Amino acid sequence: MAIFEIIFFSGIMMVMFFDHHYLLILLILELILMSIFLLLCLISYTFESFIFLFMFLVLEGAFGLSILLFGTRMSGGDFFSKISF
């Protein structure tokens, strides 16, 4: 259960520190999820952890979509005006 708390709190910290860098947040989440997936594969010695990967990817997609919608509402409807490249 501690791994879910780490993911949750790291997501909150990323939102606090990278308020305007939405794509950077999604990239970091993707790297975290892939490292957790590979760790599960190494621990179990099988590739049966695809369900966990699917759940993490769905959660990441929902989290990213909520960030995008919130950013779009904050910027008056234009999401790309707040992205800093």
N, C-alpha and C. Protein backbone atom coordinates (compact mmCIF):
# COMPACT_ATOMS: atom_id res chain seq x y z
N MET A 1 0.81 -1.18 0.00
CA MET A 1 0.00 0.00 0.00
C MET A 1 0.86 1.26 0.00
N ALA A 2 2.08 1.14 0.45
CA ALA A 2 2.95 2.32 0.53
C ALA A 2 3.29 2.85 -0.86
N ILE A 3 3.32 1.97 -1.84
CA ILE A 3 3.67 2.43 -3.20
C ILE A 3 2.59 3.35 -3.76
N PHE A 4 1.32 3.08 -3.41
CA PHE A 4 0.24 3.95 -3.87
C PHE A 4 0.32 5.32 -3.19
N GLU A 5 0.71 5.31 -1.90
CA GLU A 5 0.85 6.58 -1.20
C GLU A 5 2.00 7.40 -1.78
N ILE A 6 3.09 6.73 -2.14
CA ILE A 6 4.23 7.44 -2.76
C ILE A 6 3.81 8.04 -4.08
N ILE A 7 3.07 7.28 -4.89
CA ILE A 7 2.61 7.81 -6.18
C ILE A 7 1.66 8.98 -5.97
N PHE A 8 0.76 8.85 -5.00
CA PHE A 8 -0.21 9.92 -4.75
C PHE A 8 0.49 11.19 -4.28
N PHE A 9 1.39 11.06 -3.30
CA PHE A 9 2.07 12.25 -2.78
C PHE A 9 3.04 12.84 -3.78
N SER A 10 3.68 11.99 -4.60
CA SER A 10 4.57 12.54 -5.63
C SER A 10 3.74 13.28 -6.68
N GLY A 11 2.54 12.80 -6.97
CA GLY A 11 1.67 13.52 -7.90
C GLY A 11 1.25 14.87 -7.35
N ILE A 12 0.94 14.91 -6.06
CA ILE A 12 0.56 16.19 -5.45
C ILE A 12 1.74 17.16 -5.47
N MET A 13 2.93 16.67 -5.16
CA MET A 13 4.11 17.54 -5.15
C MET A 13 4.42 18.04 -6.55
N MET A 14 4.24 17.19 -7.57
CA MET A 14 4.49 17.64 -8.93
C MET A 14 3.50 18.73 -9.33
N VAL A 15 2.26 18.60 -8.91
CA VAL A 15 1.28 19.64 -9.23
C VAL A 15 1.65 20.94 -8.54
N MET A 16 2.15 20.85 -7.32
CA MET A 16 2.52 22.07 -6.60
C MET A 16 3.73 22.74 -7.23
N PHE A 17 4.74 21.97 -7.63
CA PHE A 17 5.99 22.57 -8.10
C PHE A 17 5.96 22.89 -9.59
N PHE A 18 5.25 22.10 -10.38
CA PHE A 18 5.21 22.31 -11.82
C PHE A 18 3.79 22.70 -12.24
N ASP A 19 3.33 23.82 -11.74
CA ASP A 19 1.94 24.21 -11.94
C ASP A 19 1.63 24.48 -13.40
N HIS A 20 2.58 24.98 -14.16
CA HIS A 20 2.32 25.33 -15.55
C HIS A 20 2.94 24.36 -16.55
N HIS A 21 3.65 23.34 -16.09
CA HIS A 21 4.34 22.42 -17.00
C HIS A 21 3.58 21.09 -17.02
N TYR A 22 2.45 21.08 -17.71
CA TYR A 22 1.60 19.90 -17.71
C TYR A 22 2.25 18.71 -18.41
N LEU A 23 2.91 18.96 -19.52
CA LEU A 23 3.53 17.86 -20.26
C LEU A 23 4.70 17.27 -19.50
N LEU A 24 5.41 18.08 -18.73
CA LEU A 24 6.50 17.58 -17.90
C LEU A 24 5.96 16.67 -16.79
N ILE A 25 4.83 17.03 -16.23
CA ILE A 25 4.21 16.19 -15.19
C ILE A 25 3.83 14.84 -15.78
N LEU A 26 3.23 14.84 -16.96
CA LEU A 26 2.82 13.58 -17.58
C LEU A 26 4.02 12.73 -17.95
N LEU A 27 5.11 13.35 -18.39
CA LEU A 27 6.32 12.60 -18.71
C LEU A 27 6.91 11.96 -17.47
N ILE A 28 6.97 12.69 -16.38
CA ILE A 28 7.51 12.14 -15.13
C ILE A 28 6.63 11.01 -14.62
N LEU A 29 5.31 11.17 -14.70
CA LEU A 29 4.41 10.09 -14.30
C LEU A 29 4.59 8.84 -15.15
N GLU A 30 4.78 9.05 -16.44
CA GLU A 30 4.99 7.91 -17.34
C GLU A 30 6.28 7.17 -16.98
N LEU A 31 7.34 7.90 -16.68
CA LEU A 31 8.59 7.25 -16.29
C LEU A 31 8.46 6.51 -14.97
N ILE A 32 7.74 7.09 -14.02
CA ILE A 32 7.52 6.41 -12.74
C ILE A 32 6.72 5.13 -12.94
N LEU A 33 5.68 5.19 -13.75
CA LEU A 33 4.84 4.01 -13.97
C LEU A 33 5.59 2.91 -14.69
N MET A 34 6.41 3.27 -15.66
CA MET A 34 7.17 2.24 -16.37
C MET A 34 8.21 1.61 -15.45
N SER A 35 8.83 2.39 -14.57
CA SER A 35 9.80 1.81 -13.64
C SER A 35 9.10 0.89 -12.63
N ILE A 36 7.90 1.26 -12.18
CA ILE A 36 7.15 0.37 -11.29
C ILE A 36 6.76 -0.91 -12.01
N PHE A 37 6.36 -0.80 -13.27
CA PHE A 37 6.00 -1.98 -14.05
C PHE A 37 7.19 -2.92 -14.22
N LEU A 38 8.36 -2.36 -14.56
CA LEU A 38 9.54 -3.21 -14.71
C LEU A 38 9.96 -3.82 -13.39
N LEU A 39 9.79 -3.09 -12.29
CA LEU A 39 10.09 -3.64 -10.98
C LEU A 39 9.16 -4.81 -10.65
N LEU A 40 7.89 -4.68 -10.97
CA LEU A 40 6.95 -5.79 -10.74
C LEU A 40 7.31 -7.00 -11.59
N CYS A 41 7.75 -6.76 -12.81
CA CYS A 41 8.16 -7.87 -13.67
C CYS A 41 9.40 -8.56 -13.12
N LEU A 42 10.34 -7.79 -12.58
CA LEU A 42 11.55 -8.39 -12.02
C LEU A 42 11.26 -9.16 -10.74
N ILE A 43 10.34 -8.64 -9.93
CA ILE A 43 10.02 -9.32 -8.67
C ILE A 43 9.28 -10.62 -8.93
N SER A 44 8.33 -10.61 -9.85
CA SER A 44 7.49 -11.79 -10.07
C SER A 44 8.09 -12.76 -11.08
N TYR A 45 9.13 -12.37 -11.79
CA TYR A 45 9.78 -13.18 -12.83
C TYR A 45 8.84 -13.57 -13.95
N THR A 46 7.70 -12.93 -14.03
CA THR A 46 6.77 -13.16 -15.14
C THR A 46 6.27 -11.81 -15.61
N PHE A 47 5.61 -11.83 -16.74
CA PHE A 47 5.04 -10.60 -17.26
C PHE A 47 3.53 -10.60 -17.08
N GLU A 48 3.09 -11.06 -15.89
CA GLU A 48 1.66 -11.09 -15.59
C GLU A 48 1.20 -9.82 -14.90
N SER A 49 2.04 -8.82 -14.82
CA SER A 49 1.64 -7.59 -14.14
C SER A 49 1.10 -6.56 -15.11
N PHE A 50 0.61 -7.01 -16.26
CA PHE A 50 0.04 -6.07 -17.23
C PHE A 50 -1.24 -5.43 -16.72
N ILE A 51 -1.96 -6.12 -15.82
CA ILE A 51 -3.17 -5.53 -15.25
C ILE A 51 -2.80 -4.33 -14.39
N PHE A 52 -1.70 -4.46 -13.63
CA PHE A 52 -1.25 -3.32 -12.84
C PHE A 52 -0.83 -2.17 -13.73
N LEU A 53 -0.14 -2.48 -14.82
CA LEU A 53 0.26 -1.43 -15.75
C LEU A 53 -0.96 -0.75 -16.35
N PHE A 54 -1.97 -1.53 -16.71
CA PHE A 54 -3.19 -0.95 -17.27
C PHE A 54 -3.88 -0.04 -16.25
N MET A 55 -3.95 -0.49 -14.99
CA MET A 55 -4.58 0.35 -13.96
C MET A 55 -3.80 1.64 -13.76
N PHE A 56 -2.46 1.54 -13.74
CA PHE A 56 -1.65 2.74 -13.57
C PHE A 56 -1.81 3.69 -14.75
N LEU A 57 -1.87 3.14 -15.95
CA LEU A 57 -2.01 4.00 -17.12
C LEU A 57 -3.38 4.68 -17.15
N VAL A 58 -4.42 3.96 -16.71
CA VAL A 58 -5.74 4.58 -16.63
C VAL A 58 -5.75 5.71 -15.60
N LEU A 59 -5.11 5.46 -14.44
CA LEU A 59 -5.03 6.51 -13.42
C LEU A 59 -4.23 7.69 -13.91
N GLU A 60 -3.13 7.41 -14.63
CA GLU A 60 -2.32 8.50 -15.16
C GLU A 60 -3.10 9.30 -16.20
N GLY A 61 -3.86 8.61 -17.04
CA GLY A 61 -4.67 9.30 -18.03
C GLY A 61 -5.73 10.18 -17.39
N ALA A 62 -6.38 9.66 -16.34
CA ALA A 62 -7.39 10.46 -15.64
C ALA A 62 -6.75 11.66 -14.95
N PHE A 63 -5.58 11.45 -14.36
CA PHE A 63 -4.88 12.54 -13.69
C PHE A 63 -4.45 13.59 -14.71
N GLY A 64 -3.90 13.15 -15.83
CA GLY A 64 -3.48 14.10 -16.87
C GLY A 64 -4.65 14.85 -17.48
N LEU A 65 -5.76 14.15 -17.68
CA LEU A 65 -6.93 14.81 -18.24
C LEU A 65 -7.49 15.85 -17.27
N SER A 66 -7.48 15.53 -15.99
CA SER A 66 -7.97 16.52 -15.02
C SER A 66 -7.05 17.74 -14.98
N ILE A 67 -5.74 17.53 -15.11
CA ILE A 67 -4.80 18.67 -15.15
C ILE A 67 -5.05 19.51 -16.39
N LEU A 68 -5.24 18.85 -17.53
CA LEU A 68 -5.48 19.59 -18.76
C LEU A 68 -6.77 20.39 -18.69
N LEU A 69 -7.83 19.78 -18.17
CA LEU A 69 -9.11 20.49 -18.07
C LEU A 69 -9.02 21.65 -17.10
N PHE A 70 -8.34 21.45 -15.98
CA PHE A 70 -8.19 22.52 -15.01
C PHE A 70 -7.37 23.67 -15.60
N GLY A 71 -6.30 23.33 -16.32
CA GLY A 71 -5.48 24.36 -16.95
C GLY A 71 -6.23 25.10 -18.04
N THR A 72 -7.08 24.40 -18.76
CA THR A 72 -7.86 25.05 -19.80
C THR A 72 -8.86 26.02 -19.20
N ARG A 73 -9.47 25.64 -18.09
CA ARG A 73 -10.42 26.55 -17.45
C ARG A 73 -9.72 27.76 -16.86
N MET A 74 -8.51 27.55 -16.33
CA MET A 74 -7.78 28.67 -15.72
C MET A 74 -7.32 29.68 -16.77
N SER A 75 -6.99 29.20 -17.98
CA SER A 75 -6.46 30.11 -19.00
C SER A 75 -7.54 30.66 -19.91
N GLY A 76 -8.78 30.46 -19.58
CA GLY A 76 -9.86 31.02 -20.37
C GLY A 76 -10.20 30.20 -21.59
N GLY A 77 -9.90 28.92 -21.58
CA GLY A 77 -10.28 28.05 -22.68
C GLY A 77 -9.17 27.70 -23.64
N ASP A 78 -8.00 28.34 -23.52
CA ASP A 78 -6.90 28.05 -24.44
C ASP A 78 -5.81 27.33 -23.68
N PHE A 79 -5.72 26.01 -23.87
CA PHE A 79 -4.73 25.22 -23.14
C PHE A 79 -3.31 25.56 -23.55
N PHE A 80 -3.09 25.77 -24.84
CA PHE A 80 -1.72 25.97 -25.33
C PHE A 80 -1.14 27.32 -24.95
N SER A 81 -1.95 28.23 -24.46
CA SER A 81 -1.41 29.53 -24.06
C SER A 81 -0.65 29.44 -22.74
N LYS A 82 -0.87 28.38 -21.95
CA LYS A 82 -0.20 28.26 -20.67
C LYS A 82 0.99 27.33 -20.70
N ILE A 83 1.23 26.64 -21.81
CA ILE A 83 2.36 25.71 -21.87
C ILE A 83 3.64 26.49 -22.07
N SER A 84 4.64 26.21 -21.23
CA SER A 84 5.95 26.85 -21.37
C SER A 84 6.91 25.85 -21.99
N PHE A 85 7.38 26.13 -23.17
CA PHE A 85 8.30 25.21 -23.83
C PHE A 85 9.72 25.55 -23.48
